[in-house]
Protein backbone atom coordinates (compact mmCIF):
# COMPACT_ATOMS: atom_id res chain seq x y z
CA MET A 1 -21.99 1.36 8.37
CA ALA A 2 -18.52 2.88 8.15
CA VAL A 3 -17.57 6.43 9.12
CA PHE A 4 -15.43 8.67 6.94
CA ARG A 5 -15.27 12.26 8.07
CA PRO A 6 -13.60 15.52 6.96
CA PHE A 7 -10.68 16.99 8.89
CA LYS A 8 -8.49 20.09 9.16
CA ALA A 9 -5.49 19.05 7.11
CA VAL A 10 -1.97 20.23 7.77
CA ARG A 11 -0.62 20.44 4.23
CA PRO A 12 2.22 22.07 2.29
CA THR A 13 2.00 25.46 0.68
CA PRO A 14 1.27 25.15 -3.06
CA GLU A 15 4.75 26.23 -4.16
CA LEU A 16 6.43 23.56 -1.97
CA ALA A 17 4.04 20.63 -2.38
CA SER A 18 6.12 18.90 -5.07
CA LYS A 19 9.24 19.12 -2.91
CA VAL A 20 7.52 17.96 0.26
CA ALA A 21 5.67 14.96 -1.21
CA ALA A 22 7.67 11.75 -0.74
CA LEU A 23 7.32 8.06 -1.42
CA PRO A 24 6.13 5.96 1.55
CA TYR A 25 8.77 5.28 4.21
CA ASP A 26 8.70 1.52 3.66
CA VAL A 27 9.62 1.41 -0.03
CA MET A 28 13.27 2.36 0.52
CA ASN A 29 16.00 1.82 3.08
CA SER A 30 17.84 4.53 5.02
CA LYS A 31 20.74 4.70 2.59
CA GLU A 32 18.41 5.16 -0.37
CA ALA A 33 16.42 7.79 1.52
CA ARG A 34 19.59 9.78 2.24
CA GLU A 35 20.29 9.89 -1.49
CA MET A 36 16.72 10.86 -2.33
CA VAL A 37 16.73 13.96 -0.10
CA LYS A 38 20.03 15.42 -1.27
CA GLY A 39 19.41 19.03 -2.18
CA ASN A 40 15.84 18.92 -0.88
CA PRO A 41 15.42 20.05 2.75
CA TYR A 42 11.63 20.00 2.32
CA SER A 43 11.23 16.27 1.60
CA PHE A 44 8.83 14.55 3.99
CA LEU A 45 11.38 11.78 4.35
CA HIS A 46 12.94 14.07 6.96
CA VAL A 47 9.85 13.21 9.02
CA ASP A 48 9.00 9.67 7.87
CA LYS A 49 12.62 8.44 7.96
CA ALA A 50 14.23 10.94 10.32
CA GLU A 51 17.31 8.77 10.82
CA ILE A 52 18.60 10.33 7.60
CA ASP A 53 19.31 13.50 9.61
CA LEU A 54 21.29 11.64 12.27
CA ASP A 55 24.59 9.81 12.30
CA PRO A 56 24.30 6.52 10.34
CA SER A 57 25.57 4.64 13.39
CA ILE A 58 22.34 5.39 15.27
CA ASP A 59 19.83 2.54 15.21
CA ILE A 60 16.74 3.37 13.15
CA TYR A 61 14.54 2.48 16.14
CA ASP A 62 16.46 4.65 18.60
CA GLU A 63 14.39 7.17 20.57
CA LYS A 64 16.42 9.95 18.97
CA VAL A 65 14.96 9.06 15.56
CA TYR A 66 11.37 9.55 16.71
CA GLU A 67 12.24 12.77 18.53
CA LYS A 68 13.95 14.04 15.37
CA ALA A 69 10.86 13.18 13.31
CA ALA A 70 8.64 15.19 15.65
CA SER A 71 11.00 18.17 15.71
CA ASN A 72 11.37 18.15 11.92
CA LEU A 73 7.58 18.15 11.49
CA LYS A 74 7.21 20.99 13.99
CA LYS A 75 9.92 23.00 12.23
CA MET A 76 8.18 22.56 8.86
CA GLU A 77 5.05 24.03 10.42
CA THR A 78 6.78 26.96 12.15
CA ASP A 79 8.87 27.71 9.04
CA GLY A 80 5.74 28.05 6.92
CA VAL A 81 6.31 24.94 4.82
CA TYR A 82 2.93 23.74 6.07
CA ILE A 83 -0.42 25.46 6.46
CA ARG A 84 -3.41 24.29 8.49
CA ASP A 85 -6.92 24.52 7.08
CA SER A 86 -9.30 26.53 9.25
CA LYS A 87 -12.21 24.08 9.04
CA PRO A 88 -12.74 20.38 8.34
CA CYS A 89 -12.68 19.62 4.62
CA TYR A 90 -12.56 16.69 2.27
CA TYR A 91 -9.83 16.57 -0.37
CA ILE A 92 -9.74 14.93 -3.79
CA TYR A 93 -6.43 13.26 -4.56
CA ARG A 94 -5.95 12.21 -8.19
CA GLN A 95 -2.95 10.29 -9.51
CA ILE A 96 -2.15 9.60 -13.15
CA MET A 97 0.29 6.85 -14.09
CA ASP A 98 0.90 5.71 -17.66
CA GLY A 99 -2.27 7.48 -18.75
CA ARG A 100 -4.49 5.78 -16.13
CA ALA A 101 -6.09 8.00 -13.47
CA GLN A 102 -7.36 7.09 -10.03
CA SER A 103 -9.16 9.65 -7.86
CA GLY A 104 -9.98 9.26 -4.19
CA ILE A 105 -11.32 11.28 -1.29
CA VAL A 106 -8.95 12.13 1.56
CA GLY A 107 -10.54 12.09 5.00
CA CYS A 108 -10.43 10.21 8.29
CA ALA A 109 -11.67 6.70 9.03
CA SER A 110 -12.75 5.54 12.47
CA ILE A 111 -10.62 3.35 14.71
CA ASP A 112 -13.87 1.75 15.93
CA ASP A 113 -14.71 0.72 12.38
CA TYR A 114 -11.28 -0.89 12.18
CA LEU A 115 -11.82 -2.70 15.48
CA ASN A 116 -15.36 -3.79 14.50
CA ASN A 117 -14.18 -4.94 11.05
CA HIS A 118 -16.04 -2.32 9.03
CA VAL A 119 -12.55 -1.45 7.81
CA LYS A 120 -11.66 -4.86 6.48
CA LYS A 121 -8.16 -6.37 6.32
CA HIS A 122 -6.65 -9.07 4.14
CA GLU A 123 -3.08 -9.25 5.51
CA LEU A 124 -1.38 -10.11 8.77
CA THR A 125 0.90 -7.51 10.34
CA ARG A 126 4.28 -7.94 11.99
CA ALA A 127 4.69 -6.77 15.58
CA GLU A 128 8.06 -5.08 15.05
CA LYS A 129 6.79 -3.03 12.10
CA GLU A 130 3.69 -2.03 14.06
CA ALA A 131 5.80 -0.98 17.05
CA ASP A 132 7.89 1.34 14.88
CA ARG A 133 4.91 3.20 13.43
CA ILE A 134 3.11 3.31 16.81
CA HIS A 135 6.13 5.08 18.26
CA HIS A 136 6.35 7.38 15.24
CA VAL A 137 2.67 8.39 15.25
CA ASP A 138 2.60 8.83 19.03
CA THR A 139 5.74 10.96 19.14
CA CYS A 140 4.77 13.10 16.15
CA ASN A 141 1.19 13.37 17.46
CA ALA A 142 0.03 12.88 13.88
CA ASN A 143 -0.82 10.40 11.16
CA THR A 144 1.88 11.19 8.61
CA GLY A 145 1.16 8.54 5.98
CA PRO A 146 -2.36 7.93 4.56
CA ILE A 147 -3.94 4.49 4.50
CA PHE A 148 -4.96 3.33 1.02
CA LEU A 149 -8.63 2.28 1.32
CA THR A 150 -11.14 1.17 -1.29
CA TYR A 151 -14.88 0.60 -1.48
CA ARG A 152 -17.43 -0.65 -3.96
CA ALA A 153 -17.96 2.35 -6.21
CA GLN A 154 -21.00 4.57 -5.59
CA LYS A 155 -22.26 6.68 -8.50
CA ASN A 156 -23.24 9.71 -6.44
CA ILE A 157 -19.81 9.97 -4.82
CA SER A 158 -18.08 9.61 -8.19
CA ASP A 159 -20.37 12.24 -9.72
CA ILE A 160 -19.63 14.70 -6.91
CA MET A 161 -15.90 14.20 -7.35
CA ASN A 162 -15.99 14.57 -11.13
CA ASP A 163 -18.18 17.67 -10.99
CA TRP A 164 -15.92 19.31 -8.41
CA MET A 165 -12.77 18.58 -10.38
CA LYS A 166 -14.30 20.09 -13.53
CA ALA A 167 -15.53 23.25 -11.79
CA HIS A 168 -12.59 24.09 -9.53
CA LYS A 169 -8.88 24.67 -9.82
CA PRO A 170 -6.61 22.28 -7.94
CA VAL A 171 -4.44 23.52 -5.08
CA TYR A 172 -1.62 21.16 -6.14
CA ASP A 173 -0.77 19.80 -9.57
CA PHE A 174 2.71 18.41 -10.15
CA VAL A 175 4.58 15.56 -11.79
CA ALA A 176 6.90 13.68 -9.45
CA GLU A 177 10.34 12.44 -10.42
CA ASP A 178 8.92 9.03 -11.36
CA GLY A 179 6.56 10.58 -13.91
CA ILE A 180 3.38 10.18 -11.84
CA THR A 181 1.05 13.19 -11.76
CA HIS A 182 -0.41 14.22 -8.39
CA THR A 183 -3.35 16.65 -8.27
CA VAL A 184 -5.33 17.80 -5.23
CA TRP A 185 -8.58 19.74 -4.84
CA VAL A 186 -10.02 21.04 -1.56
CA ILE A 187 -13.75 20.41 -1.06
CA ASP A 188 -14.70 23.21 1.32
CA ASP A 189 -18.39 23.63 0.51
CA ASP A 190 -20.34 22.81 3.71
CA LYS A 191 -23.41 21.50 1.91
CA LEU A 192 -21.34 19.18 -0.28
CA ILE A 193 -19.25 18.02 2.67
CA LYS A 194 -22.44 17.03 4.47
CA GLU A 195 -23.75 15.22 1.40
CA LEU A 196 -20.51 13.28 1.01
CA GLN A 197 -20.47 12.38 4.68
CA GLU A 198 -24.01 11.02 4.39
CA ASP A 199 -23.09 9.07 1.25
CA PHE A 200 -20.09 7.50 2.97
CA ALA A 201 -22.31 6.52 5.91
CA LYS A 202 -24.38 4.36 3.52
CA ILE A 203 -21.34 2.24 2.58
CA PRO A 204 -21.22 -0.92 4.73
CA ASP A 205 -17.47 -1.50 4.65
CA PHE A 206 -14.16 -0.11 3.53
CA TYR A 207 -11.23 -2.33 2.55
CA ILE A 208 -7.54 -1.77 3.18
CA ALA A 209 -5.82 -1.96 -0.17
CA ASP A 210 -2.37 -0.99 1.13
CA GLY A 211 -1.06 0.18 4.49
CA HIS A 212 -2.03 -2.56 6.97
CA HIS A 213 0.82 -1.69 9.33
CA ARG A 214 0.10 2.04 9.25
CA ALA A 215 -3.59 1.36 9.93
CA ALA A 216 -2.93 -1.02 12.81
CA SER A 217 -0.45 1.42 14.33
CA ALA A 218 -2.84 4.37 14.07
CA VAL A 219 -5.52 2.34 15.83
CA ARG A 220 -3.16 1.30 18.63
CA VAL A 221 -2.21 4.93 19.22
CA GLY A 222 -5.89 5.85 19.35
CA GLN A 223 -6.47 3.15 21.94
CA ARG A 224 -3.56 4.49 24.00
CA ARG A 225 -5.01 7.99 23.90
CA ARG A 226 -8.36 6.64 25.01
CA ALA A 227 -6.76 4.87 27.94
CA ALA A 228 -4.98 8.09 28.92
CA ASN A 229 -8.24 10.06 28.56
CA PRO A 230 -10.94 7.83 30.09
CA ASN A 231 -13.57 10.58 29.73
CA TYR A 232 -13.09 10.88 25.97
CA LYS A 233 -16.25 11.65 23.99
CA GLY A 234 -15.43 9.84 20.74
CA ASP A 235 -15.13 12.85 18.45
CA GLU A 236 -11.50 13.63 19.37
CA GLU A 237 -9.07 13.40 16.48
CA PHE A 238 -7.21 10.45 18.01
CA ASN A 239 -10.32 8.36 17.37
CA PHE A 240 -9.72 8.66 13.63
CA PHE A 241 -6.89 8.01 11.18
CA LEU A 242 -5.81 9.51 7.87
CA ALA A 243 -6.89 7.65 4.74
CA VAL A 244 -7.58 8.04 1.03
CA LEU A 245 -10.73 6.27 -0.11
CA PHE A 246 -10.76 5.13 -3.76
CA PRO A 247 -13.64 3.50 -5.64
CA ASP A 248 -12.73 -0.04 -6.65
CA SER A 249 -13.58 0.74 -10.28
CA GLU A 250 -10.50 2.96 -10.62
CA LEU A 251 -7.87 0.73 -9.01
CA LYS A 252 -5.46 -1.71 -10.59
CA ILE A 253 -3.48 -4.43 -8.87
CA LEU A 254 -0.17 -5.33 -10.49
CA ASP A 255 1.51 -8.72 -10.44
CA TYR A 256 3.73 -9.57 -7.47
CA ASN A 257 6.33 -11.97 -8.80
CA ARG A 258 8.60 -14.53 -7.11
CA VAL A 259 12.29 -15.33 -7.54
CA VAL A 260 13.73 -18.38 -5.79
CA HIS A 261 17.46 -18.44 -5.15
CA ASP A 262 18.10 -22.20 -5.52
CA LEU A 263 16.31 -25.39 -6.57
CA ASN A 264 16.54 -27.03 -3.13
CA GLY A 265 18.92 -29.72 -4.34
CA ASN A 266 16.99 -30.57 -7.49
CA SER A 267 18.53 -30.64 -10.92
CA LYS A 268 16.76 -28.68 -13.63
CA GLU A 269 15.36 -31.92 -15.04
CA GLN A 270 14.15 -33.17 -11.65
CA PHE A 271 12.53 -29.84 -10.93
CA LEU A 272 10.64 -29.81 -14.23
CA GLU A 273 9.39 -33.38 -13.71
CA LYS A 274 8.07 -32.52 -10.26
CA ILE A 275 6.38 -29.37 -11.58
CA LYS A 276 4.52 -31.44 -14.19
CA LYS A 277 2.61 -33.34 -11.50
CA ALA A 278 0.52 -30.25 -10.76
CA PHE A 279 0.89 -28.17 -13.94
CA ASP A 280 0.76 -28.54 -17.68
CA VAL A 281 4.15 -27.23 -18.79
CA GLU A 282 5.10 -25.97 -22.23
CA GLU A 283 8.09 -24.04 -23.48
CA TYR A 284 7.22 -20.47 -24.39
CA ASN A 285 9.00 -19.10 -27.47
CA LYS A 286 7.22 -15.75 -27.91
CA GLY A 287 9.47 -13.64 -25.72
CA MET A 288 8.84 -13.20 -22.02
CA CYS A 289 5.87 -15.14 -20.69
CA ARG A 290 3.35 -12.85 -18.99
CA PRO A 291 0.30 -14.84 -17.79
CA GLN A 292 -2.94 -13.77 -19.45
CA GLU A 293 -5.46 -15.43 -17.13
CA LYS A 294 -5.90 -16.84 -13.63
CA HIS A 295 -4.24 -20.14 -12.75
CA THR A 296 -1.47 -19.67 -15.31
CA PHE A 297 2.13 -18.75 -14.56
CA GLY A 298 5.21 -17.70 -16.46
CA MET A 299 8.37 -19.48 -15.33
CA TYR A 300 11.91 -18.47 -16.23
CA LEU A 301 14.50 -21.20 -15.74
CA ASP A 302 17.96 -21.62 -17.27
CA LYS A 303 17.41 -18.88 -19.90
CA LYS A 304 14.06 -20.33 -21.03
CA TRP A 305 10.49 -19.23 -20.43
CA TYR A 306 7.76 -21.76 -19.73
CA LEU A 307 3.98 -21.41 -19.48
CA LEU A 308 2.46 -23.30 -16.55
CA LYS A 309 -1.25 -24.11 -16.33
CA ALA A 310 -2.65 -25.42 -13.05
CA LYS A 311 -4.30 -28.82 -13.42
CA GLU A 312 -7.82 -29.40 -12.18
CA GLY A 313 -7.98 -30.82 -8.69
CA ILE A 314 -4.92 -29.10 -7.22
CA PHE A 315 -7.02 -26.27 -5.74
CA ASP A 316 -10.56 -25.73 -4.49
CA PRO A 317 -12.33 -23.20 -6.77
CA LYS A 318 -14.89 -22.51 -4.03
CA ASP A 319 -12.29 -21.61 -1.42
CA PRO A 320 -11.38 -17.90 -1.84
CA VAL A 321 -7.84 -18.39 -0.50
CA ASP A 322 -7.08 -21.77 -2.08
CA ASN A 323 -8.26 -20.37 -5.42
CA LEU A 324 -5.60 -17.62 -5.42
CA ASP A 325 -2.65 -18.09 -7.77
CA VAL A 326 -0.22 -17.21 -4.98
CA SER A 327 -1.73 -20.04 -2.91
CA ILE A 328 -1.56 -22.49 -5.82
CA LEU A 329 2.12 -21.73 -6.37
CA GLN A 330 2.89 -21.89 -2.65
CA LYS A 331 1.11 -25.21 -2.03
CA ASN A 332 2.27 -27.00 -5.16
CA VAL A 333 5.76 -25.63 -5.82
CA LEU A 334 7.31 -23.41 -3.18
CA THR A 335 6.57 -25.65 -0.20
CA PRO A 336 6.72 -29.25 -1.50
CA ILE A 337 9.41 -28.88 -4.18
CA LEU A 338 11.51 -25.87 -3.18
CA GLY A 339 11.23 -26.23 0.59
CA ILE A 340 10.01 -22.70 1.30
CA ASP A 341 7.40 -23.19 4.01
CA ASP A 342 7.09 -19.59 5.15
CA PRO A 343 7.84 -17.02 2.44
CA ARG A 344 7.66 -14.19 5.01
CA THR A 345 10.75 -15.43 6.82
CA SER A 346 12.70 -17.39 4.20
CA ASP A 347 15.88 -15.82 2.85
CA ARG A 348 15.73 -18.06 -0.22
CA ILE A 349 12.96 -16.15 -1.96
CA SER A 350 12.62 -12.58 -3.23
CA PHE A 351 9.50 -10.71 -4.29
CA VAL A 352 9.47 -8.39 -7.27
CA GLY A 353 6.69 -5.85 -7.79
CA GLY A 354 5.18 -5.87 -11.27
CA ILE A 355 6.14 -2.25 -11.85
CA ARG A 356 9.72 -3.46 -12.35
CA GLY A 357 8.72 -5.61 -15.31
CA LEU A 358 9.55 -9.16 -16.31
CA GLU A 359 12.98 -7.94 -17.38
CA GLU A 360 13.89 -7.82 -13.69
CA LEU A 361 13.07 -11.52 -13.34
CA VAL A 362 15.35 -12.32 -16.27
CA ARG A 363 18.12 -10.17 -14.83
CA LEU A 364 17.96 -11.87 -11.43
CA VAL A 365 17.89 -15.43 -12.77
CA ASP A 366 20.60 -14.77 -15.35
CA GLY A 367 22.58 -13.20 -12.51
CA GLY A 368 22.61 -16.35 -10.42
CA LYS A 369 19.14 -16.95 -8.94
CA ALA A 370 17.55 -20.28 -9.83
CA VAL A 371 14.01 -19.70 -11.06
CA ALA A 372 11.42 -16.93 -11.37
CA PHE A 373 7.65 -17.07 -11.48
CA ALA A 374 5.61 -14.37 -13.24
CA MET A 375 2.18 -14.13 -11.62
CA TYR A 376 -1.21 -13.11 -12.95
CA PRO A 377 -2.36 -10.15 -10.82
CA THR A 378 -4.70 -10.88 -7.94
CA GLY A 379 -8.14 -9.41 -8.65
CA LEU A 380 -9.69 -6.70 -6.52
CA ASP A 381 -12.80 -8.88 -6.30
CA ASP A 382 -10.60 -11.62 -4.80
CA LEU A 383 -9.26 -9.16 -2.21
CA MET A 384 -12.76 -8.09 -1.20
CA THR A 385 -14.11 -11.63 -1.07
CA ILE A 386 -11.26 -12.73 1.17
CA ALA A 387 -11.74 -9.74 3.46
CA ASP A 388 -15.53 -10.27 3.55
CA THR A 389 -15.05 -13.89 4.63
CA ASN A 390 -12.52 -12.89 7.32
CA ASN A 391 -9.74 -14.75 5.57
CA ILE A 392 -6.12 -13.68 5.12
CA MET A 393 -4.22 -13.55 1.86
CA PRO A 394 -0.81 -15.20 1.63
CA PRO A 395 2.06 -12.72 1.96
CA LYS A 396 2.96 -10.56 -1.04
CA SER A 397 -0.30 -11.19 -2.88
CA THR A 398 -0.97 -7.65 -4.13
CA TRP A 399 1.06 -4.76 -5.49
CA PHE A 400 -0.76 -1.46 -5.95
CA GLU A 401 0.53 1.34 -8.13
CA PRO A 402 0.81 4.25 -8.01
CA LYS A 403 1.83 4.61 -4.38
CA LEU A 404 0.27 7.37 -2.29
CA ARG A 405 2.72 10.15 -1.55
CA SER A 406 3.35 11.00 2.09
CA GLY A 407 3.51 14.57 3.33
CA ILE A 408 0.73 16.01 1.18
CA PHE A 409 -1.69 15.56 4.08
CA VAL A 410 -0.97 15.36 7.81
CA HIS A 411 -3.68 14.56 10.35
CA GLU A 412 -2.93 15.87 13.83
CA LEU A 413 -4.25 13.79 16.72
CA SER A 414 -4.81 16.74 19.04
């Protein structure tokens, strides 16, 4: 059974929460981050992307960047931007985007559960990205970005959350610049905290929805602290990492679309003929082609939309990975026709999150790219099945929205 425990959060004062809260560090580059923080000295990007406070010539992985992150976080605490709760609590974090709400519990997951696969993964991580966040967490002595976890919904937990939200005022309630509402409640009732902790202990597994690199890095730091403290007891904060745990019933995965920059030497006609070996292809004349079911794809090529339907026999419906639409496209189009063997390293393919709309696919192809594929969103049941069977999804299979804001909660490791 998995562990999910309360903690003493370091969090912003209510009047500054909206200014502190920032998008995750990995959804923008340094130049974009510098623009985002103009006029806002409280933005958590000063911690998560501290290079923005240094000369642009300094490498983003320079030791000075991590030292600046730690000093910025410390200054926010000493200046009263942050407060520290006096006892371990759980926190409810609700987000509303386009009228859809998702509410999760903020707490700390166990690094042992991660290592023993009770916190299940579905993606591979890259060593260089891990190394950056390991250095950041270790130097800051804190988890600064929450891991997005999910679990199969439990009625009692949902009832507790809903009852608490109805009966108590939130400590934060603001609308961010992107129109997403962020609301936080503090659960500080000891009896209820104990009940929640017991309910979480009955859940066999948690699943990483988003934040594989942050999770892996937090675990590595915990292992380092254990090695440096061989007499550790197991209840020290470095044995746990910051996470928000959402019931699967409230989450939505958006499409994660593909744009290929060239046709790998094929003419338009040759490309279409090769596509037809694995797909039924028809021109789509009803506007932009958004797939409405699994194993169908929208394709935009030379100012025309096409609907592709995967033919029987080109995938194994009993294989959880082979059955994914991203796998079907990779195995039958991207690799054999377009010559993209590894989409993680190829510079001939771009990935476009569904939040940007199909209009972005049209813009890119009309602007010079060769072809775009609109995907049907991967299902949360697919994600869980793949994680349960210890399989790995192909890269860029899922896009979750809304993103968790960083800086609302900080978990100190000591």
